[in-house]
N, C-alpha and C. Protein backbone atom coordinates (compact mmCIF):
# COMPACT_ATOMS: atom_id res chain seq x y z
N MET A 1 -6.07 20.89 17.98
CA MET A 1 -7.24 20.27 17.36
C MET A 1 -6.97 18.81 16.97
N LEU A 2 -5.73 18.52 16.60
CA LEU A 2 -5.39 17.16 16.19
C LEU A 2 -5.54 16.18 17.36
N ARG A 3 -5.15 16.61 18.55
CA ARG A 3 -5.30 15.74 19.72
C ARG A 3 -6.78 15.47 20.00
N ASP A 4 -7.63 16.47 19.86
CA ASP A 4 -9.07 16.28 20.06
C ASP A 4 -9.63 15.29 19.04
N TYR A 5 -9.17 15.41 17.81
CA TYR A 5 -9.60 14.49 16.74
C TYR A 5 -9.21 13.06 17.10
N VAL A 6 -7.98 12.86 17.54
CA VAL A 6 -7.50 11.54 17.93
C VAL A 6 -8.33 10.97 19.08
N LEU A 7 -8.57 11.77 20.10
CA LEU A 7 -9.34 11.30 21.25
C LEU A 7 -10.78 10.95 20.87
N GLU A 8 -11.38 11.75 19.99
CA GLU A 8 -12.76 11.46 19.57
C GLU A 8 -12.83 10.16 18.76
N LEU A 9 -11.89 9.97 17.84
CA LEU A 9 -11.88 8.72 17.07
C LEU A 9 -11.69 7.51 17.98
N GLN A 10 -10.81 7.62 18.95
CA GLN A 10 -10.57 6.50 19.86
C GLN A 10 -11.76 6.26 20.78
N ALA A 11 -12.45 7.31 21.16
CA ALA A 11 -13.62 7.15 22.04
C ALA A 11 -14.79 6.50 21.31
N THR A 12 -14.96 6.80 20.04
CA THR A 12 -16.10 6.28 19.28
C THR A 12 -15.79 5.00 18.51
N ASN A 13 -14.51 4.61 18.44
CA ASN A 13 -14.10 3.40 17.73
C ASN A 13 -13.10 2.63 18.59
N PRO A 14 -13.59 1.74 19.46
CA PRO A 14 -12.68 1.01 20.35
C PRO A 14 -11.58 0.28 19.56
N ASP A 15 -10.42 0.16 20.16
CA ASP A 15 -9.24 -0.52 19.58
C ASP A 15 -8.65 0.20 18.38
N THR A 16 -8.98 1.46 18.20
CA THR A 16 -8.40 2.25 17.11
C THR A 16 -6.94 2.55 17.42
N THR A 17 -6.10 2.42 16.41
CA THR A 17 -4.69 2.78 16.55
C THR A 17 -4.47 4.12 15.87
N MET A 18 -3.93 5.05 16.60
CA MET A 18 -3.58 6.36 16.04
C MET A 18 -2.21 6.73 16.57
N LYS A 19 -1.33 7.09 15.67
CA LYS A 19 0.01 7.51 16.07
C LYS A 19 0.34 8.82 15.39
N ILE A 20 0.82 9.74 16.18
CA ILE A 20 1.23 11.05 15.65
C ILE A 20 2.74 11.15 15.80
N ASP A 21 3.39 11.53 14.73
CA ASP A 21 4.83 11.75 14.75
C ASP A 21 5.07 13.24 14.57
N VAL A 22 5.92 13.79 15.39
CA VAL A 22 6.21 15.22 15.32
C VAL A 22 7.69 15.43 15.02
N CYS A 23 8.02 16.60 14.53
CA CYS A 23 9.41 16.95 14.24
C CYS A 23 10.19 17.12 15.54
N TYR A 24 11.46 16.83 15.45
CA TYR A 24 12.33 16.99 16.60
C TYR A 24 12.36 18.44 17.05
N GLU A 25 12.20 18.66 18.35
CA GLU A 25 12.24 20.01 18.93
C GLU A 25 13.43 20.09 19.87
N PRO A 26 14.44 20.93 19.53
CA PRO A 26 15.62 21.02 20.38
C PRO A 26 15.34 21.60 21.77
N ASN A 27 14.26 22.37 21.89
CA ASN A 27 13.92 22.96 23.18
C ASN A 27 12.85 22.09 23.86
N PRO A 28 13.22 21.30 24.88
CA PRO A 28 12.24 20.42 25.52
C PRO A 28 11.16 21.17 26.30
N ASP A 29 11.37 22.44 26.59
CA ASP A 29 10.38 23.22 27.33
C ASP A 29 9.32 23.83 26.43
N SER A 30 9.47 23.68 25.12
CA SER A 30 8.50 24.25 24.19
C SER A 30 7.16 23.53 24.35
N PRO A 31 6.05 24.27 24.48
CA PRO A 31 4.74 23.63 24.71
C PRO A 31 4.13 23.03 23.44
N THR A 32 4.69 23.32 22.27
CA THR A 32 4.11 22.81 21.03
C THR A 32 5.17 22.05 20.23
N ARG A 33 4.69 21.22 19.36
CA ARG A 33 5.54 20.48 18.44
C ARG A 33 4.97 20.65 17.03
N GLN A 34 5.84 20.55 16.04
CA GLN A 34 5.39 20.68 14.65
C GLN A 34 4.99 19.30 14.12
N PHE A 35 3.77 19.21 13.61
CA PHE A 35 3.24 17.96 13.05
C PHE A 35 4.07 17.48 11.88
N ARG A 36 4.28 16.17 11.85
CA ARG A 36 5.01 15.56 10.74
C ARG A 36 4.19 14.47 10.06
N ARG A 37 3.61 13.55 10.86
CA ARG A 37 2.87 12.42 10.28
C ARG A 37 1.77 11.97 11.24
N ILE A 38 0.77 11.31 10.67
CA ILE A 38 -0.25 10.65 11.48
C ILE A 38 -0.62 9.33 10.82
N TYR A 39 -0.89 8.34 11.65
CA TYR A 39 -1.29 7.00 11.20
C TYR A 39 -2.62 6.67 11.87
N VAL A 40 -3.57 6.16 11.07
CA VAL A 40 -4.90 5.84 11.60
C VAL A 40 -5.34 4.48 11.08
N TRP A 41 -5.74 3.61 12.01
CA TRP A 41 -6.42 2.36 11.65
C TRP A 41 -7.57 2.21 12.63
N LEU A 42 -8.78 2.42 12.14
CA LEU A 42 -9.97 2.36 12.99
C LEU A 42 -10.19 0.94 13.51
N GLY A 43 -10.53 0.84 14.78
CA GLY A 43 -10.70 -0.45 15.45
C GLY A 43 -11.66 -1.41 14.74
N PRO A 44 -12.87 -0.98 14.36
CA PRO A 44 -13.78 -1.90 13.69
C PRO A 44 -13.21 -2.44 12.36
N LEU A 45 -12.49 -1.61 11.62
CA LEU A 45 -11.88 -2.07 10.37
C LEU A 45 -10.78 -3.09 10.65
N LYS A 46 -10.02 -2.84 11.70
CA LYS A 46 -8.94 -3.77 12.08
C LYS A 46 -9.53 -5.12 12.49
N LYS A 47 -10.59 -5.07 13.31
CA LYS A 47 -11.23 -6.30 13.78
C LYS A 47 -11.81 -7.09 12.61
N GLY A 48 -12.46 -6.40 11.66
CA GLY A 48 -13.03 -7.07 10.49
C GLY A 48 -11.97 -7.71 9.62
N PHE A 49 -10.86 -7.01 9.40
CA PHE A 49 -9.80 -7.57 8.57
C PHE A 49 -9.16 -8.79 9.22
N LYS A 50 -8.93 -8.72 10.52
CA LYS A 50 -8.31 -9.85 11.21
C LYS A 50 -9.24 -11.07 11.22
N ALA A 51 -10.54 -10.84 11.25
CA ALA A 51 -11.49 -11.95 11.26
C ALA A 51 -11.48 -12.71 9.93
N CYS A 52 -11.26 -12.03 8.84
CA CYS A 52 -11.25 -12.65 7.51
C CYS A 52 -9.87 -12.52 6.88
N LEU A 53 -8.83 -12.66 7.68
CA LEU A 53 -7.47 -12.36 7.27
C LEU A 53 -7.11 -13.02 5.94
N ARG A 54 -6.74 -12.18 5.00
CA ARG A 54 -6.20 -12.64 3.72
C ARG A 54 -4.84 -11.98 3.58
N ASP A 55 -3.85 -12.75 3.23
CA ASP A 55 -2.47 -12.28 3.23
C ASP A 55 -2.15 -11.42 2.01
N LEU A 56 -2.92 -10.37 1.82
CA LEU A 56 -2.76 -9.50 0.66
C LEU A 56 -3.07 -8.07 1.07
N LEU A 57 -2.12 -7.18 0.83
CA LEU A 57 -2.31 -5.76 1.13
C LEU A 57 -1.93 -4.93 -0.08
N GLY A 58 -2.77 -3.97 -0.40
CA GLY A 58 -2.47 -3.04 -1.49
C GLY A 58 -2.14 -1.67 -0.92
N PHE A 59 -1.19 -0.99 -1.54
CA PHE A 59 -0.75 0.32 -1.06
C PHE A 59 -0.80 1.35 -2.17
N ASP A 60 -1.13 2.57 -1.78
CA ASP A 60 -1.10 3.68 -2.74
C ASP A 60 -0.87 4.98 -1.97
N GLY A 61 -0.52 5.98 -2.71
CA GLY A 61 -0.32 7.31 -2.14
C GLY A 61 -0.95 8.35 -3.04
N ALA A 62 -1.35 9.46 -2.48
CA ALA A 62 -1.98 10.54 -3.26
C ALA A 62 -1.53 11.88 -2.69
N PHE A 63 -1.40 12.85 -3.59
CA PHE A 63 -1.02 14.19 -3.16
C PHE A 63 -2.18 14.88 -2.46
N MET A 64 -1.87 15.66 -1.45
CA MET A 64 -2.86 16.53 -0.82
C MET A 64 -2.75 17.89 -1.48
N LYS A 65 -3.89 18.50 -1.74
CA LYS A 65 -3.90 19.84 -2.33
C LYS A 65 -4.55 20.80 -1.34
N GLY A 66 -4.26 22.04 -1.49
CA GLY A 66 -4.82 23.03 -0.58
C GLY A 66 -3.73 23.65 0.26
N PRO A 67 -4.10 24.23 1.39
CA PRO A 67 -3.11 24.94 2.20
C PRO A 67 -2.13 24.01 2.93
N PHE A 68 -2.51 22.74 3.12
CA PHE A 68 -1.65 21.79 3.84
C PHE A 68 -1.17 20.73 2.86
N LEU A 69 0.08 20.82 2.49
CA LEU A 69 0.63 19.88 1.52
C LEU A 69 1.11 18.62 2.21
N GLY A 70 1.27 17.59 1.45
CA GLY A 70 1.73 16.31 1.97
C GLY A 70 1.20 15.19 1.11
N GLN A 71 1.26 14.00 1.63
CA GLN A 71 0.79 12.81 0.94
C GLN A 71 -0.14 12.02 1.85
N VAL A 72 -1.15 11.42 1.26
CA VAL A 72 -2.01 10.48 1.98
C VAL A 72 -1.59 9.09 1.54
N LEU A 73 -1.18 8.26 2.47
CA LEU A 73 -0.84 6.87 2.18
C LEU A 73 -2.00 6.01 2.62
N SER A 74 -2.32 4.99 1.86
CA SER A 74 -3.43 4.12 2.23
C SER A 74 -3.06 2.66 2.04
N ALA A 75 -3.66 1.82 2.86
CA ALA A 75 -3.51 0.38 2.76
C ALA A 75 -4.91 -0.21 2.64
N VAL A 76 -5.07 -1.11 1.68
CA VAL A 76 -6.35 -1.78 1.48
C VAL A 76 -6.13 -3.29 1.41
N GLY A 77 -7.18 -4.01 1.72
CA GLY A 77 -7.15 -5.47 1.62
C GLY A 77 -8.37 -5.91 0.83
N LEU A 78 -8.65 -7.20 0.89
CA LEU A 78 -9.84 -7.75 0.25
C LEU A 78 -10.74 -8.32 1.33
N ASP A 79 -12.05 -8.06 1.20
CA ASP A 79 -12.98 -8.66 2.15
C ASP A 79 -13.38 -10.04 1.65
N SER A 80 -14.28 -10.70 2.34
CA SER A 80 -14.66 -12.07 1.98
C SER A 80 -15.43 -12.15 0.67
N ASN A 81 -15.90 -11.01 0.15
CA ASN A 81 -16.57 -10.98 -1.15
C ASN A 81 -15.65 -10.46 -2.26
N ASN A 82 -14.35 -10.43 -2.01
CA ASN A 82 -13.34 -9.91 -2.94
C ASN A 82 -13.52 -8.43 -3.25
N GLY A 83 -14.14 -7.71 -2.34
CA GLY A 83 -14.27 -6.27 -2.48
C GLY A 83 -13.12 -5.57 -1.79
N ILE A 84 -12.86 -4.34 -2.19
CA ILE A 84 -11.79 -3.56 -1.57
C ILE A 84 -12.20 -3.19 -0.15
N TYR A 85 -11.29 -3.39 0.77
CA TYR A 85 -11.55 -3.18 2.20
C TYR A 85 -10.49 -2.22 2.73
N LEU A 86 -10.90 -1.00 3.07
CA LEU A 86 -9.96 -0.02 3.59
C LEU A 86 -9.41 -0.48 4.92
N LEU A 87 -8.11 -0.38 5.07
CA LEU A 87 -7.48 -0.78 6.32
C LEU A 87 -6.99 0.43 7.10
N ALA A 88 -5.92 1.00 6.65
CA ALA A 88 -5.30 2.09 7.39
C ALA A 88 -4.95 3.21 6.43
N TYR A 89 -4.78 4.40 7.00
CA TYR A 89 -4.32 5.52 6.18
C TYR A 89 -3.39 6.37 7.03
N GLY A 90 -2.60 7.15 6.36
CA GLY A 90 -1.68 8.03 7.05
C GLY A 90 -1.47 9.29 6.24
N ILE A 91 -1.10 10.33 6.92
CA ILE A 91 -0.73 11.58 6.26
C ILE A 91 0.74 11.79 6.61
N VAL A 92 1.55 11.93 5.57
CA VAL A 92 2.99 12.08 5.75
C VAL A 92 3.49 13.29 4.98
N GLU A 93 4.72 13.67 5.27
CA GLU A 93 5.29 14.86 4.63
C GLU A 93 5.55 14.65 3.15
N SER A 94 6.00 13.46 2.76
CA SER A 94 6.21 13.14 1.35
C SER A 94 6.29 11.63 1.21
N GLU A 95 6.16 11.17 -0.02
CA GLU A 95 6.21 9.75 -0.30
C GLU A 95 7.66 9.37 -0.54
N ASN A 96 8.31 8.80 0.47
CA ASN A 96 9.70 8.40 0.36
C ASN A 96 9.91 7.14 1.20
N THR A 97 11.11 6.59 1.15
CA THR A 97 11.39 5.34 1.87
C THR A 97 11.13 5.48 3.36
N GLU A 98 11.54 6.59 3.95
CA GLU A 98 11.37 6.77 5.40
C GLU A 98 9.89 6.82 5.79
N SER A 99 9.06 7.55 5.05
CA SER A 99 7.64 7.63 5.40
C SER A 99 6.93 6.30 5.14
N TRP A 100 7.28 5.60 4.05
CA TRP A 100 6.68 4.29 3.80
C TRP A 100 7.11 3.30 4.88
N LYS A 101 8.35 3.37 5.29
CA LYS A 101 8.83 2.46 6.34
C LYS A 101 8.06 2.70 7.64
N TRP A 102 7.84 3.96 7.99
CA TRP A 102 7.08 4.31 9.20
C TRP A 102 5.65 3.77 9.09
N PHE A 103 5.02 3.97 7.94
CA PHE A 103 3.64 3.52 7.72
C PHE A 103 3.56 1.99 7.79
N LEU A 104 4.47 1.29 7.10
CA LEU A 104 4.47 -0.17 7.09
C LEU A 104 4.80 -0.74 8.47
N ASP A 105 5.66 -0.09 9.20
CA ASP A 105 6.01 -0.53 10.54
C ASP A 105 4.78 -0.49 11.45
N ASN A 106 3.98 0.56 11.32
CA ASN A 106 2.74 0.66 12.11
C ASN A 106 1.75 -0.43 11.72
N ILE A 107 1.63 -0.70 10.43
CA ILE A 107 0.73 -1.77 9.98
C ILE A 107 1.23 -3.11 10.51
N GLY A 108 2.53 -3.33 10.43
CA GLY A 108 3.11 -4.56 10.96
C GLY A 108 2.82 -4.74 12.44
N ASP A 109 2.89 -3.66 13.20
CA ASP A 109 2.56 -3.72 14.64
C ASP A 109 1.10 -4.10 14.85
N ASP A 110 0.21 -3.48 14.07
CA ASP A 110 -1.22 -3.76 14.23
C ASP A 110 -1.60 -5.18 13.84
N LEU A 111 -0.90 -5.76 12.86
CA LEU A 111 -1.21 -7.11 12.40
C LEU A 111 -0.29 -8.17 13.00
N ASP A 112 0.60 -7.75 13.88
CA ASP A 112 1.59 -8.66 14.48
C ASP A 112 2.41 -9.36 13.41
N LEU A 113 2.81 -8.62 12.39
CA LEU A 113 3.64 -9.18 11.32
C LEU A 113 5.10 -9.14 11.74
N GLY A 114 5.77 -10.24 11.58
CA GLY A 114 7.20 -10.28 11.85
C GLY A 114 7.99 -10.17 10.56
N ARG A 115 9.30 -10.19 10.69
CA ARG A 115 10.15 -10.10 9.50
C ARG A 115 9.93 -11.29 8.57
N ASN A 116 9.46 -12.41 9.10
CA ASN A 116 9.26 -13.61 8.29
C ASN A 116 7.86 -13.69 7.70
N SER A 117 7.12 -12.62 7.77
CA SER A 117 5.76 -12.60 7.24
C SER A 117 5.77 -12.92 5.75
N ASN A 118 4.76 -13.66 5.32
CA ASN A 118 4.68 -13.99 3.90
C ASN A 118 3.51 -13.31 3.21
N PHE A 119 3.17 -12.13 3.65
CA PHE A 119 2.13 -11.34 3.00
C PHE A 119 2.55 -11.01 1.58
N THR A 120 1.58 -10.69 0.75
CA THR A 120 1.85 -10.18 -0.59
C THR A 120 1.42 -8.73 -0.61
N PHE A 121 2.31 -7.86 -1.05
CA PHE A 121 2.05 -6.43 -1.14
C PHE A 121 1.91 -6.05 -2.61
N ILE A 122 0.90 -5.24 -2.91
CA ILE A 122 0.65 -4.81 -4.28
C ILE A 122 0.68 -3.29 -4.34
N SER A 123 1.32 -2.78 -5.39
CA SER A 123 1.35 -1.33 -5.61
C SER A 123 1.53 -1.07 -7.09
N ASP A 124 1.46 0.19 -7.46
CA ASP A 124 1.79 0.52 -8.84
C ASP A 124 3.31 0.60 -8.96
N ARG A 125 3.83 0.55 -10.16
CA ARG A 125 5.29 0.52 -10.35
C ARG A 125 5.94 1.83 -9.91
N GLN A 126 5.20 2.90 -9.88
CA GLN A 126 5.74 4.20 -9.48
C GLN A 126 6.27 4.16 -8.05
N LYS A 127 5.69 3.27 -7.23
CA LYS A 127 6.09 3.21 -5.83
C LYS A 127 7.52 2.71 -5.66
N VAL A 128 8.08 2.04 -6.69
CA VAL A 128 9.48 1.62 -6.62
C VAL A 128 10.36 2.85 -6.48
N LYS A 129 10.09 3.86 -7.28
CA LYS A 129 10.87 5.10 -7.25
C LYS A 129 10.63 5.88 -5.96
N LEU A 130 9.47 5.71 -5.37
CA LEU A 130 9.09 6.52 -4.21
C LEU A 130 9.35 5.82 -2.88
N GLY A 131 10.04 4.70 -2.88
CA GLY A 131 10.52 4.11 -1.64
C GLY A 131 9.73 2.95 -1.05
N LEU A 132 8.56 2.63 -1.57
CA LEU A 132 7.77 1.55 -0.98
C LEU A 132 8.49 0.21 -1.11
N HIS A 133 9.03 -0.07 -2.28
CA HIS A 133 9.70 -1.35 -2.51
C HIS A 133 10.87 -1.54 -1.54
N THR A 134 11.67 -0.51 -1.35
CA THR A 134 12.80 -0.56 -0.42
C THR A 134 12.33 -0.78 1.01
N ALA A 135 11.26 -0.09 1.41
CA ALA A 135 10.72 -0.24 2.76
C ALA A 135 10.21 -1.66 2.99
N VAL A 136 9.53 -2.24 2.00
CA VAL A 136 9.04 -3.62 2.13
C VAL A 136 10.21 -4.58 2.28
N GLU A 137 11.25 -4.40 1.46
CA GLU A 137 12.42 -5.29 1.53
C GLU A 137 13.11 -5.22 2.90
N LYS A 138 13.16 -4.03 3.50
CA LYS A 138 13.82 -3.88 4.80
C LYS A 138 12.99 -4.48 5.94
N LEU A 139 11.68 -4.23 5.92
CA LEU A 139 10.83 -4.66 7.04
C LEU A 139 10.33 -6.10 6.91
N PHE A 140 10.02 -6.51 5.69
CA PHE A 140 9.43 -7.83 5.46
C PHE A 140 10.16 -8.53 4.31
N PRO A 141 11.38 -9.00 4.54
CA PRO A 141 12.17 -9.56 3.45
C PRO A 141 11.58 -10.81 2.80
N ASN A 142 10.70 -11.53 3.49
CA ASN A 142 10.09 -12.73 2.91
C ASN A 142 8.78 -12.45 2.18
N ALA A 143 8.31 -11.22 2.25
CA ALA A 143 7.04 -10.87 1.60
C ALA A 143 7.24 -10.73 0.10
N GLU A 144 6.18 -10.97 -0.63
CA GLU A 144 6.17 -10.76 -2.08
C GLU A 144 5.72 -9.34 -2.35
N HIS A 145 6.34 -8.68 -3.31
CA HIS A 145 5.90 -7.35 -3.73
C HIS A 145 5.57 -7.43 -5.21
N ARG A 146 4.30 -7.23 -5.53
CA ARG A 146 3.83 -7.36 -6.90
C ARG A 146 3.25 -6.03 -7.37
N TYR A 147 3.07 -5.92 -8.68
CA TYR A 147 2.57 -4.69 -9.27
C TYR A 147 1.15 -4.87 -9.76
N CYS A 148 0.38 -3.84 -9.65
CA CYS A 148 -1.02 -3.83 -10.05
C CYS A 148 -1.12 -3.98 -11.57
N ILE A 149 -1.89 -4.96 -12.01
CA ILE A 149 -2.01 -5.23 -13.45
C ILE A 149 -2.67 -4.08 -14.19
N ARG A 150 -3.57 -3.37 -13.54
CA ARG A 150 -4.21 -2.23 -14.21
C ARG A 150 -3.19 -1.16 -14.55
N HIS A 151 -2.25 -0.92 -13.64
CA HIS A 151 -1.21 0.08 -13.91
C HIS A 151 -0.25 -0.41 -14.98
N ILE A 152 0.07 -1.70 -14.97
CA ILE A 152 0.92 -2.25 -16.03
C ILE A 152 0.23 -2.09 -17.38
N HIS A 153 -1.07 -2.39 -17.40
CA HIS A 153 -1.83 -2.24 -18.65
C HIS A 153 -1.86 -0.78 -19.11
N ASP A 154 -2.07 0.14 -18.19
CA ASP A 154 -2.08 1.57 -18.56
C ASP A 154 -0.74 1.99 -19.17
N ASN A 155 0.36 1.53 -18.59
CA ASN A 155 1.68 1.86 -19.13
C ASN A 155 1.89 1.20 -20.50
N MET A 156 1.43 -0.02 -20.62
CA MET A 156 1.60 -0.75 -21.88
C MET A 156 0.77 -0.12 -23.00
N ARG A 157 -0.42 0.35 -22.64
CA ARG A 157 -1.35 0.92 -23.62
C ARG A 157 -0.79 2.18 -24.28
N LYS A 158 0.12 2.87 -23.60
CA LYS A 158 0.71 4.08 -24.18
C LYS A 158 1.52 3.76 -25.43
N ARG A 159 2.11 2.56 -25.47
CA ARG A 159 2.93 2.20 -26.62
C ARG A 159 2.23 1.24 -27.57
N TRP A 160 1.53 0.26 -27.01
CA TRP A 160 0.86 -0.75 -27.83
C TRP A 160 -0.64 -0.58 -27.66
N ARG A 161 -1.28 -0.06 -28.65
CA ARG A 161 -2.70 0.32 -28.53
C ARG A 161 -3.69 -0.74 -29.00
N LYS A 162 -3.25 -1.75 -29.71
CA LYS A 162 -4.18 -2.76 -30.23
C LYS A 162 -4.77 -3.59 -29.09
N THR A 163 -5.99 -4.01 -29.28
CA THR A 163 -6.66 -4.81 -28.25
C THR A 163 -6.01 -6.18 -28.07
N GLU A 164 -5.29 -6.66 -29.09
CA GLU A 164 -4.62 -7.95 -28.96
C GLU A 164 -3.59 -7.93 -27.83
N TYR A 165 -2.90 -6.81 -27.68
CA TYR A 165 -1.93 -6.69 -26.60
C TYR A 165 -2.62 -6.78 -25.24
N ARG A 166 -3.72 -6.06 -25.11
CA ARG A 166 -4.48 -6.09 -23.87
C ARG A 166 -4.96 -7.51 -23.56
N ASP A 167 -5.48 -8.18 -24.59
CA ASP A 167 -6.00 -9.54 -24.39
C ASP A 167 -4.91 -10.50 -23.93
N HIS A 168 -3.73 -10.42 -24.55
CA HIS A 168 -2.62 -11.28 -24.13
C HIS A 168 -2.21 -10.98 -22.69
N LEU A 169 -2.10 -9.71 -22.36
CA LEU A 169 -1.70 -9.33 -21.02
C LEU A 169 -2.67 -9.86 -19.97
N TRP A 170 -3.95 -9.67 -20.20
CA TRP A 170 -4.94 -10.10 -19.22
C TRP A 170 -5.04 -11.62 -19.13
N LYS A 171 -4.84 -12.32 -20.24
CA LYS A 171 -4.82 -13.79 -20.17
C LYS A 171 -3.68 -14.25 -19.26
N CYS A 172 -2.51 -13.64 -19.42
CA CYS A 172 -1.36 -13.99 -18.57
C CYS A 172 -1.65 -13.67 -17.11
N ALA A 173 -2.25 -12.53 -16.87
CA ALA A 173 -2.53 -12.10 -15.49
C ALA A 173 -3.55 -13.02 -14.81
N LEU A 174 -4.46 -13.57 -15.57
CA LEU A 174 -5.51 -14.41 -14.99
C LEU A 174 -5.14 -15.89 -14.91
N ALA A 175 -3.95 -16.24 -15.34
CA ALA A 175 -3.51 -17.64 -15.26
C ALA A 175 -3.48 -18.07 -13.79
N THR A 176 -3.91 -19.29 -13.53
CA THR A 176 -3.98 -19.77 -12.15
C THR A 176 -2.89 -20.77 -11.79
N THR A 177 -2.11 -21.21 -12.77
CA THR A 177 -1.00 -22.11 -12.48
C THR A 177 0.25 -21.60 -13.19
N ILE A 178 1.39 -22.03 -12.72
CA ILE A 178 2.66 -21.61 -13.34
C ILE A 178 2.77 -22.15 -14.77
N PRO A 179 2.46 -23.43 -15.04
CA PRO A 179 2.54 -23.91 -16.42
C PRO A 179 1.60 -23.13 -17.37
N GLU A 180 0.41 -22.83 -16.89
CA GLU A 180 -0.52 -22.05 -17.72
C GLU A 180 0.04 -20.67 -18.00
N PHE A 181 0.60 -20.02 -16.97
CA PHE A 181 1.19 -18.70 -17.14
C PHE A 181 2.34 -18.75 -18.14
N GLU A 182 3.23 -19.74 -18.00
CA GLU A 182 4.38 -19.85 -18.91
C GLU A 182 3.92 -20.09 -20.34
N HIS A 183 2.89 -20.91 -20.52
CA HIS A 183 2.34 -21.16 -21.86
C HIS A 183 1.79 -19.87 -22.47
N LEU A 184 1.02 -19.12 -21.69
CA LEU A 184 0.44 -17.87 -22.19
C LEU A 184 1.50 -16.81 -22.46
N MET A 185 2.54 -16.76 -21.62
CA MET A 185 3.64 -15.82 -21.87
C MET A 185 4.38 -16.19 -23.15
N LYS A 186 4.51 -17.48 -23.42
CA LYS A 186 5.16 -17.92 -24.66
C LYS A 186 4.34 -17.48 -25.86
N GLU A 187 3.01 -17.64 -25.77
CA GLU A 187 2.12 -17.17 -26.85
C GLU A 187 2.25 -15.66 -27.05
N PHE A 188 2.31 -14.92 -25.94
CA PHE A 188 2.44 -13.47 -26.00
C PHE A 188 3.77 -13.10 -26.66
N SER A 189 4.83 -13.82 -26.29
CA SER A 189 6.15 -13.56 -26.84
C SER A 189 6.17 -13.83 -28.35
N GLN A 190 5.47 -14.86 -28.77
CA GLN A 190 5.39 -15.16 -30.21
C GLN A 190 4.62 -14.09 -30.94
N TYR A 191 3.64 -13.50 -30.29
CA TYR A 191 2.88 -12.40 -30.90
C TYR A 191 3.75 -11.16 -31.04
N ASP A 192 4.46 -10.80 -29.97
CA ASP A 192 5.36 -9.64 -29.99
C ASP A 192 6.36 -9.78 -28.86
N LYS A 193 7.58 -10.13 -29.22
CA LYS A 193 8.62 -10.37 -28.21
C LYS A 193 8.93 -9.11 -27.39
N GLU A 194 8.93 -7.96 -28.02
CA GLU A 194 9.26 -6.71 -27.32
C GLU A 194 8.18 -6.35 -26.29
N ALA A 195 6.93 -6.55 -26.61
CA ALA A 195 5.85 -6.22 -25.69
C ALA A 195 5.85 -7.16 -24.49
N CYS A 196 6.23 -8.38 -24.70
CA CYS A 196 6.23 -9.37 -23.64
C CYS A 196 7.38 -9.11 -22.71
């Protein structure tokens, strides 16, 4: 059924990239293979992103529930109206360095990204533990890897609940120049050195 799904998506969406990874089978005469991963980037979404290329990609992963366990990995960008623009998704066995590396490698192939790419990658801090940061460093050593401010705020809010902390954090995040950022961080540090 998975092959039929792939063929239908490719027939109805020209230039769609779909890659299926299967587990190693020691018997080459076996007619079936065990599914391991799939990568999907629909052609129209790829064409739209390349037309308005912005060097920013966001990544996240989510657990699958039900009879088929695994993780859904997703990549998003920004469209010309600063809206979230879905790029690619994949289903993998688990969120680890190897699966993130496979997913990022496929995205790099689709966007013709080389090792010297200067894209900026955004994720939540949890992805450091789950291998995304390591995969980015291996595949794209010149890329920037930043953390989502909403997730930083959520983590900060667990300890510092006053709105003043939130206000300082968001002022720093919205700074548009390095001197402005450093000035706001200094103000934040004067308010509470530990929180900063």
